[in-house]
PDB file of N, CA and C in Angstrom:
ATOM      1  N   MET A   1    -193.424-157.091  68.506  1.00  0.00           N
ATOM      2  CA  MET A   1    -194.246-155.963  68.114  1.00  0.00           C
ATOM      3  C   MET A   1    -195.727-156.285  68.278  1.00  0.00           C
ATOM      4  N   GLN A   2    -196.075-157.525  67.977  1.00  0.00           N
ATOM      5  CA  GLN A   2    -197.479-157.925  68.103  1.00  0.00           C
ATOM      6  C   GLN A   2    -197.954-157.830  69.552  1.00  0.00           C
ATOM      7  N   ALA A   3    -197.057-158.068  70.499  1.00  0.00           N
ATOM      8  CA  ALA A   3    -197.438-157.972  71.910  1.00  0.00           C
ATOM      9  C   ALA A   3    -197.867-156.548  72.257  1.00  0.00           C
ATOM     10  N   TRP A   4    -197.141-155.543  71.756  1.00  0.00           N
ATOM     11  CA  TRP A   4    -197.516-154.151  72.034  1.00  0.00           C
ATOM     12  C   TRP A   4    -198.858-153.809  71.394  1.00  0.00           C
ATOM     13  N   ILE A   5    -199.090-154.305  70.204  1.00  0.00           N
ATOM     14  CA  ILE A   5    -200.369-154.058  69.526  1.00  0.00           C
ATOM     15  C   ILE A   5    -201.507-154.675  70.330  1.00  0.00           C
ATOM     16  N   ASP A   6    -201.318-155.918  70.788  1.00  0.00           N
ATOM     17  CA  ASP A   6    -202.337-156.571  71.606  1.00  0.00           C
ATOM     18  C   ASP A   6    -202.529-155.827  72.923  1.00  0.00           C
ATOM     19  N   PHE A   7    -201.435-155.363  73.493  1.00  0.00           N
ATOM     20  CA  PHE A   7    -201.504-154.679  74.786  1.00  0.00           C
ATOM     21  C   PHE A   7    -202.368-153.429  74.712  1.00  0.00           C
ATOM     22  N   PHE A   8    -202.253-152.676  73.637  1.00  0.00           N
ATOM     23  CA  PHE A   8    -202.977-151.401  73.544  1.00  0.00           C
ATOM     24  C   PHE A   8    -204.286-151.472  72.765  1.00  0.00           C
ATOM     25  N   THR A   9    -204.623-152.635  72.226  1.00  0.00           N
ATOM     26  CA  THR A   9    -205.848-152.700  71.421  1.00  0.00           C
ATOM     27  C   THR A   9    -206.874-153.688  71.938  1.00  0.00           C
ATOM     28  N   THR A  10    -206.503-154.578  72.828  1.00  0.00           N
ATOM     29  CA  THR A  10    -207.480-155.547  73.330  1.00  0.00           C
ATOM     30  C   THR A  10    -208.008-155.103  74.691  1.00  0.00           C
ATOM     31  N   ASP A  11    -209.155-155.660  75.054  1.00  0.00           N
ATOM     32  CA  ASP A  11    -209.746-155.289  76.333  1.00  0.00           C
ATOM     33  C   ASP A  11    -208.876-155.745  77.501  1.00  0.00           C
ATOM     34  N   TYR A  12    -208.319-156.924  77.428  1.00  0.00           N
ATOM     35  CA  TYR A  12    -207.471-157.401  78.525  1.00  0.00           C
ATOM     36  C   TYR A  12    -206.141-156.646  78.565  1.00  0.00           C
ATOM     37  N   GLY A  13    -205.652-156.191  77.428  1.00  0.00           N
ATOM     38  CA  GLY A  13    -204.436-155.387  77.409  1.00  0.00           C
ATOM     39  C   GLY A  13    -204.664-154.015  78.028  1.00  0.00           C
ATOM     40  N   LEU A  14    -205.779-153.383  77.689  1.00  0.00           N
ATOM     41  CA  LEU A  14    -206.094-152.072  78.248  1.00  0.00           C
ATOM     42  C   LEU A  14    -206.372-152.166  79.744  1.00  0.00           C
ATOM     43  N   LEU A  15    -207.036-153.239  80.170  1.00  0.00           N
ATOM     44  CA  LEU A  15    -207.275-153.423  81.598  1.00  0.00           C
ATOM     45  C   LEU A  15    -205.946-153.636  82.332  1.00  0.00           C
ATOM     46  N   SER A  16    -205.041-154.375  81.730  1.00  0.00           N
ATOM     47  CA  SER A  16    -203.718-154.563  82.328  1.00  0.00           C
ATOM     48  C   SER A  16    -202.987-153.227  82.445  1.00  0.00           C
ATOM     49  N   ALA A  17    -203.057-152.405  81.416  1.00  0.00           N
ATOM     50  CA  ALA A  17    -202.420-151.090  81.461  1.00  0.00           C
ATOM     51  C   ALA A  17    -203.036-150.234  82.559  1.00  0.00           C
ATOM     52  N   LEU A  18    -204.347-150.307  82.709  1.00  0.00           N
ATOM     53  CA  LEU A  18    -205.029-149.545  83.759  1.00  0.00           C
ATOM     54  C   LEU A  18    -204.582-150.018  85.145  1.00  0.00           C
ATOM     55  N   ILE A  19    -204.460-151.312  85.330  1.00  0.00           N
ATOM     56  CA  ILE A  19    -204.030-151.857  86.620  1.00  0.00           C
ATOM     57  C   ILE A  19    -202.588-151.444  86.913  1.00  0.00           C
ATOM     58  N   ILE A  20    -201.723-151.505  85.907  1.00  0.00           N
ATOM     59  CA  ILE A  20    -200.326-151.088  86.092  1.00  0.00           C
ATOM     60  C   ILE A  20    -200.272-149.616  86.477  1.00  0.00           C
ATOM     61  N   LEU A  21    -201.035-148.786  85.811  1.00  0.00           N
ATOM     62  CA  LEU A  21    -201.081-147.356  86.123  1.00  0.00           C
ATOM     63  C   LEU A  21    -201.605-147.116  87.539  1.00  0.00           C
ATOM     64  N   ALA A  22    -202.649-147.842  87.927  1.00  0.00           N
ATOM     65  CA  ALA A  22    -203.200-147.692  89.277  1.00  0.00           C
ATOM     66  C   ALA A  22    -202.176-148.113  90.327  1.00  0.00           C
ATOM     67  N   MET A  23    -201.441-149.175  90.068  1.00  0.00           N
ATOM     68  CA  MET A  23    -200.419-149.628  91.009  1.00  0.00           C
ATOM     69  C   MET A  23    -199.317-148.578  91.152  1.00  0.00           C
ATOM     70  N   LEU A  24    -198.899-147.985  90.054  1.00  0.00           N
ATOM     71  CA  LEU A  24    -197.863-146.951  90.104  1.00  0.00           C
ATOM     72  C   LEU A  24    -198.354-145.710  90.848  1.00  0.00           C
ATOM     73  N   CYS A  25    -199.607-145.346  90.651  1.00  0.00           N
ATOM     74  CA  CYS A  25    -200.178-144.212  91.389  1.00  0.00           C
ATOM     75  C   CYS A  25    -200.231-144.529  92.880  1.00  0.00           C
ATOM     76  N   GLY A  26    -200.639-145.731  93.226  1.00  0.00           N
ATOM     77  CA  GLY A  26    -200.679-146.139  94.623  1.00  0.00           C
ATOM     78  C   GLY A  26    -199.298-146.141  95.242  1.00  0.00           C
ATOM     79  N   LEU A  27    -198.318-146.608  94.511  1.00  0.00           N
ATOM     80  CA  LEU A  27    -196.944-146.600  94.997  1.00  0.00           C
ATOM     81  C   LEU A  27    -196.452-145.176  95.212  1.00  0.00           C
ATOM     82  N   GLY A  28    -196.763-144.286  94.283  1.00  0.00           N
ATOM     83  CA  GLY A  28    -196.370-142.889  94.415  1.00  0.00           C
ATOM     84  C   GLY A  28    -197.001-142.242  95.633  1.00  0.00           C
ATOM     85  N   TYR A  29    -198.280-142.524  95.869  1.00  0.00           N
ATOM     86  CA  TYR A  29    -198.959-141.978  97.046  1.00  0.00           C
ATOM     87  C   TYR A  29    -198.334-142.522  98.318  1.00  0.00           C
ATOM     88  N   PHE A  30    -198.028-143.811  98.353  1.00  0.00           N
ATOM     89  CA  PHE A  30    -197.436-144.430  99.531  1.00  0.00           C
ATOM     90  C   PHE A  30    -196.086-143.803  99.855  1.00  0.00           C
ATOM     91  N   VAL A  31    -195.250-143.612  98.842  1.00  0.00           N
ATOM     92  CA  VAL A  31    -193.935-143.003  99.045  1.00  0.00           C
ATOM     93  C   VAL A  31    -194.095-141.573  99.552  1.00  0.00           C
ATOM     94  N   TRP A  32    -194.997-140.810  98.949  1.00  0.00           N
ATOM     95  CA  TRP A  32    -195.241-139.427  99.388  1.00  0.00           C
ATOM     96  C   TRP A  32    -195.710-139.397 100.834  1.00  0.00           C
ATOM     97  N   TYR A  33    -196.639-140.262 101.193  1.00  0.00           N
ATOM     98  CA  TYR A  33    -197.197-140.309 102.542  1.00  0.00           C
ATOM     99  C   TYR A  33    -196.121-140.633 103.570  1.00  0.00           C
ATOM    100  N   VAL A  34    -195.309-141.647 103.277  1.00  0.00           N
ATOM    101  CA  VAL A  34    -194.253-142.042 104.218  1.00  0.00           C
ATOM    102  C   VAL A  34    -193.226-140.929 104.367  1.00  0.00           C
ATOM    103  N   LEU A  35    -192.783-140.341 103.266  1.00  0.00           N
ATOM    104  CA  LEU A  35    -191.789-139.270 103.345  1.00  0.00           C
ATOM    105  C   LEU A  35    -192.328-138.058 104.098  1.00  0.00           C
ATOM    106  N   LYS A  36    -193.597-137.744 103.900  1.00  0.00           N
ATOM    107  CA  LYS A  36    -194.212-136.625 104.610  1.00  0.00           C
ATOM    108  C   LYS A  36    -194.187-136.869 106.117  1.00  0.00           C
ATOM    109  N   HIS A  37    -194.564-138.063 106.536  1.00  0.00           N
ATOM    110  CA  HIS A  37    -194.614-138.357 107.963  1.00  0.00           C
ATOM    111  C   HIS A  37    -193.224-138.513 108.572  1.00  0.00           C
ATOM    112  N   VAL A  38    -192.280-139.016 107.821  1.00  0.00           N
ATOM    113  CA  VAL A  38    -190.906-139.091 108.318  1.00  0.00           C
ATOM    114  C   VAL A  38    -190.380-137.682 108.565  1.00  0.00           C
ATOM    115  N   LYS A  39    -190.656-136.774 107.626  1.00  0.00           N
ATOM    116  CA  LYS A  39    -190.202-135.387 107.785  1.00  0.00           C
ATOM    117  C   LYS A  39    -190.861-134.735 109.002  1.00  0.00           C
ATOM    118  N   GLU A  40    -192.166-134.938 109.167  1.00  0.00           N
ATOM    119  CA  GLU A  40    -192.871-134.355 110.312  1.00  0.00           C
ATOM    120  C   GLU A  40    -192.323-134.909 111.626  1.00  0.00           C
ATOM    121  N   ASP A  41    -192.111-136.224 111.684  1.00  0.00           N
ATOM    122  CA  ASP A  41    -191.600-136.831 112.911  1.00  0.00           C
ATOM    123  C   ASP A  41    -190.181-136.376 113.215  1.00  0.00           C
ATOM    124  N   THR A  42    -189.368-136.209 112.184  1.00  0.00           N
ATOM    125  CA  THR A  42    -187.999-135.739 112.377  1.00  0.00           C
ATOM    126  C   THR A  42    -187.999-134.315 112.912  1.00  0.00           C
ATOM    127  N   GLU A  43    -188.850-133.459 112.336  1.00  0.00           N
ATOM    128  CA  GLU A  43    -188.938-132.077 112.811  1.00  0.00           C
ATOM    129  C   GLU A  43    -189.439-132.029 114.254  1.00  0.00           C
ATOM    130  N   ARG A  44    -190.421-132.858 114.597  1.00  0.00           N
ATOM    131  CA  ARG A  44    -190.946-132.898 115.957  1.00  0.00           C
ATOM    132  C   ARG A  44    -189.864-133.379 116.925  1.00  0.00           C
ATOM    133  N   HIS A  45    -189.124-134.388 116.537  1.00  0.00           N
ATOM    134  CA  HIS A  45    -188.050-134.926 117.376  1.00  0.00           C
ATOM    135  C   HIS A  45    -186.963-133.868 117.599  1.00  0.00           C
ATOM    136  N   ASP A  46    -186.567-133.189 116.529  1.00  0.00           N
ATOM    137  CA  ASP A  46    -185.541-132.146 116.663  1.00  0.00           C
ATOM    138  C   ASP A  46    -186.020-131.011 117.567  1.00  0.00           C
ATOM    139  N   ARG A  47    -187.292-130.630 117.426  1.00  0.00           N
ATOM    140  CA  ARG A  47    -187.849-129.572 118.270  1.00  0.00           C
ATOM    141  C   ARG A  47    -187.850-129.995 119.739  1.00  0.00           C
ATOM    142  N   LEU A  48    -188.235-131.231 120.006  1.00  0.00           N
ATOM    143  CA  LEU A  48    -188.240-131.718 121.389  1.00  0.00           C
ATOM    144  C   LEU A  48    -186.832-131.768 121.970  1.00  0.00           C
ATOM    145  N   LEU A  49    -185.855-132.144 121.162  1.00  0.00           N
ATOM    146  CA  LEU A  49    -184.472-132.162 121.645  1.00  0.00           C
ATOM    147  C   LEU A  49    -183.985-130.756 121.969  1.00  0.00           C
ATOM    148  N   ARG A  50    -184.332-129.783 121.129  1.00  0.00           N
ATOM    149  CA  ARG A  50    -183.936-128.396 121.391  1.00  0.00           C
ATOM    150  C   ARG A  50    -184.592-127.886 122.661  1.00  0.00           C
ATOM    151  N   GLU A  51    -185.881-128.181 122.828  1.00  0.00           N
ATOM    152  CA  GLU A  51    -186.587-127.734 124.025  1.00  0.00           C
ATOM    153  C   GLU A  51    -186.032-128.415 125.279  1.00  0.00           C
ATOM    154  N   ALA A  52    -185.690-129.669 125.207  1.00  0.00           N
ATOM    155  CA  ALA A  52    -185.127-130.381 126.360  1.00  0.00           C
ATOM    156  C   ALA A  52    -183.750-129.823 126.706  1.00  0.00           C
ATOM    157  N   GLY A  53    -182.997-129.421 125.715  1.00  0.00           N
ATOM    158  CA  GLY A  53    -181.678-128.850 125.949  1.00  0.00           C
ATOM    159  C   GLY A  53    -181.750-127.516 126.631  1.00  0.00           C
ATOM    160  N   ARG A  54    -182.775-126.728 126.348  1.00  0.00           N
ATOM    161  CA  ARG A  54    -182.935-125.410 126.967  1.00  0.00           C
ATOM    162  C   ARG A  54    -183.323-125.522 128.433  1.00  0.00           C
ATOM    163  N   THR A  55    -184.144-126.521 128.740  1.00  0.00           N
ATOM    164  CA  THR A  55    -184.637-126.627 130.123  1.00  0.00           C
ATOM    165  C   THR A  55    -183.552-127.145 131.065  1.00  0.00           C
ATOM    166  N   HIS A  56    -182.578-127.900 130.563  1.00  0.00           N
ATOM    167  CA  HIS A  56    -181.511-128.459 131.395  1.00  0.00           C
ATOM    168  C   HIS A  56    -180.315-127.515 131.536  1.00  0.00           C
ATOM    169  N   SER A  57    -180.269-126.458 130.763  1.00  0.00           N
ATOM    170  CA  SER A  57    -179.115-125.565 130.792  1.00  0.00           C
ATOM    171  C   SER A  57    -179.139-124.628 131.983  1.00  0.00           C
TER     172      SER A  57
END
């Protein structure tokens, strides 16, 4: 219990909490960015395959 009290009441505990929060935000942004680009690339690839299929028919 004393560890939680120190974590939320001392300067080094609050700085640690801030760093943990910043890391989680950075991780969330990274995951969002990668998923967004994977979706865009997949849609572009599917569109190119459809267009290539039409020209060869």
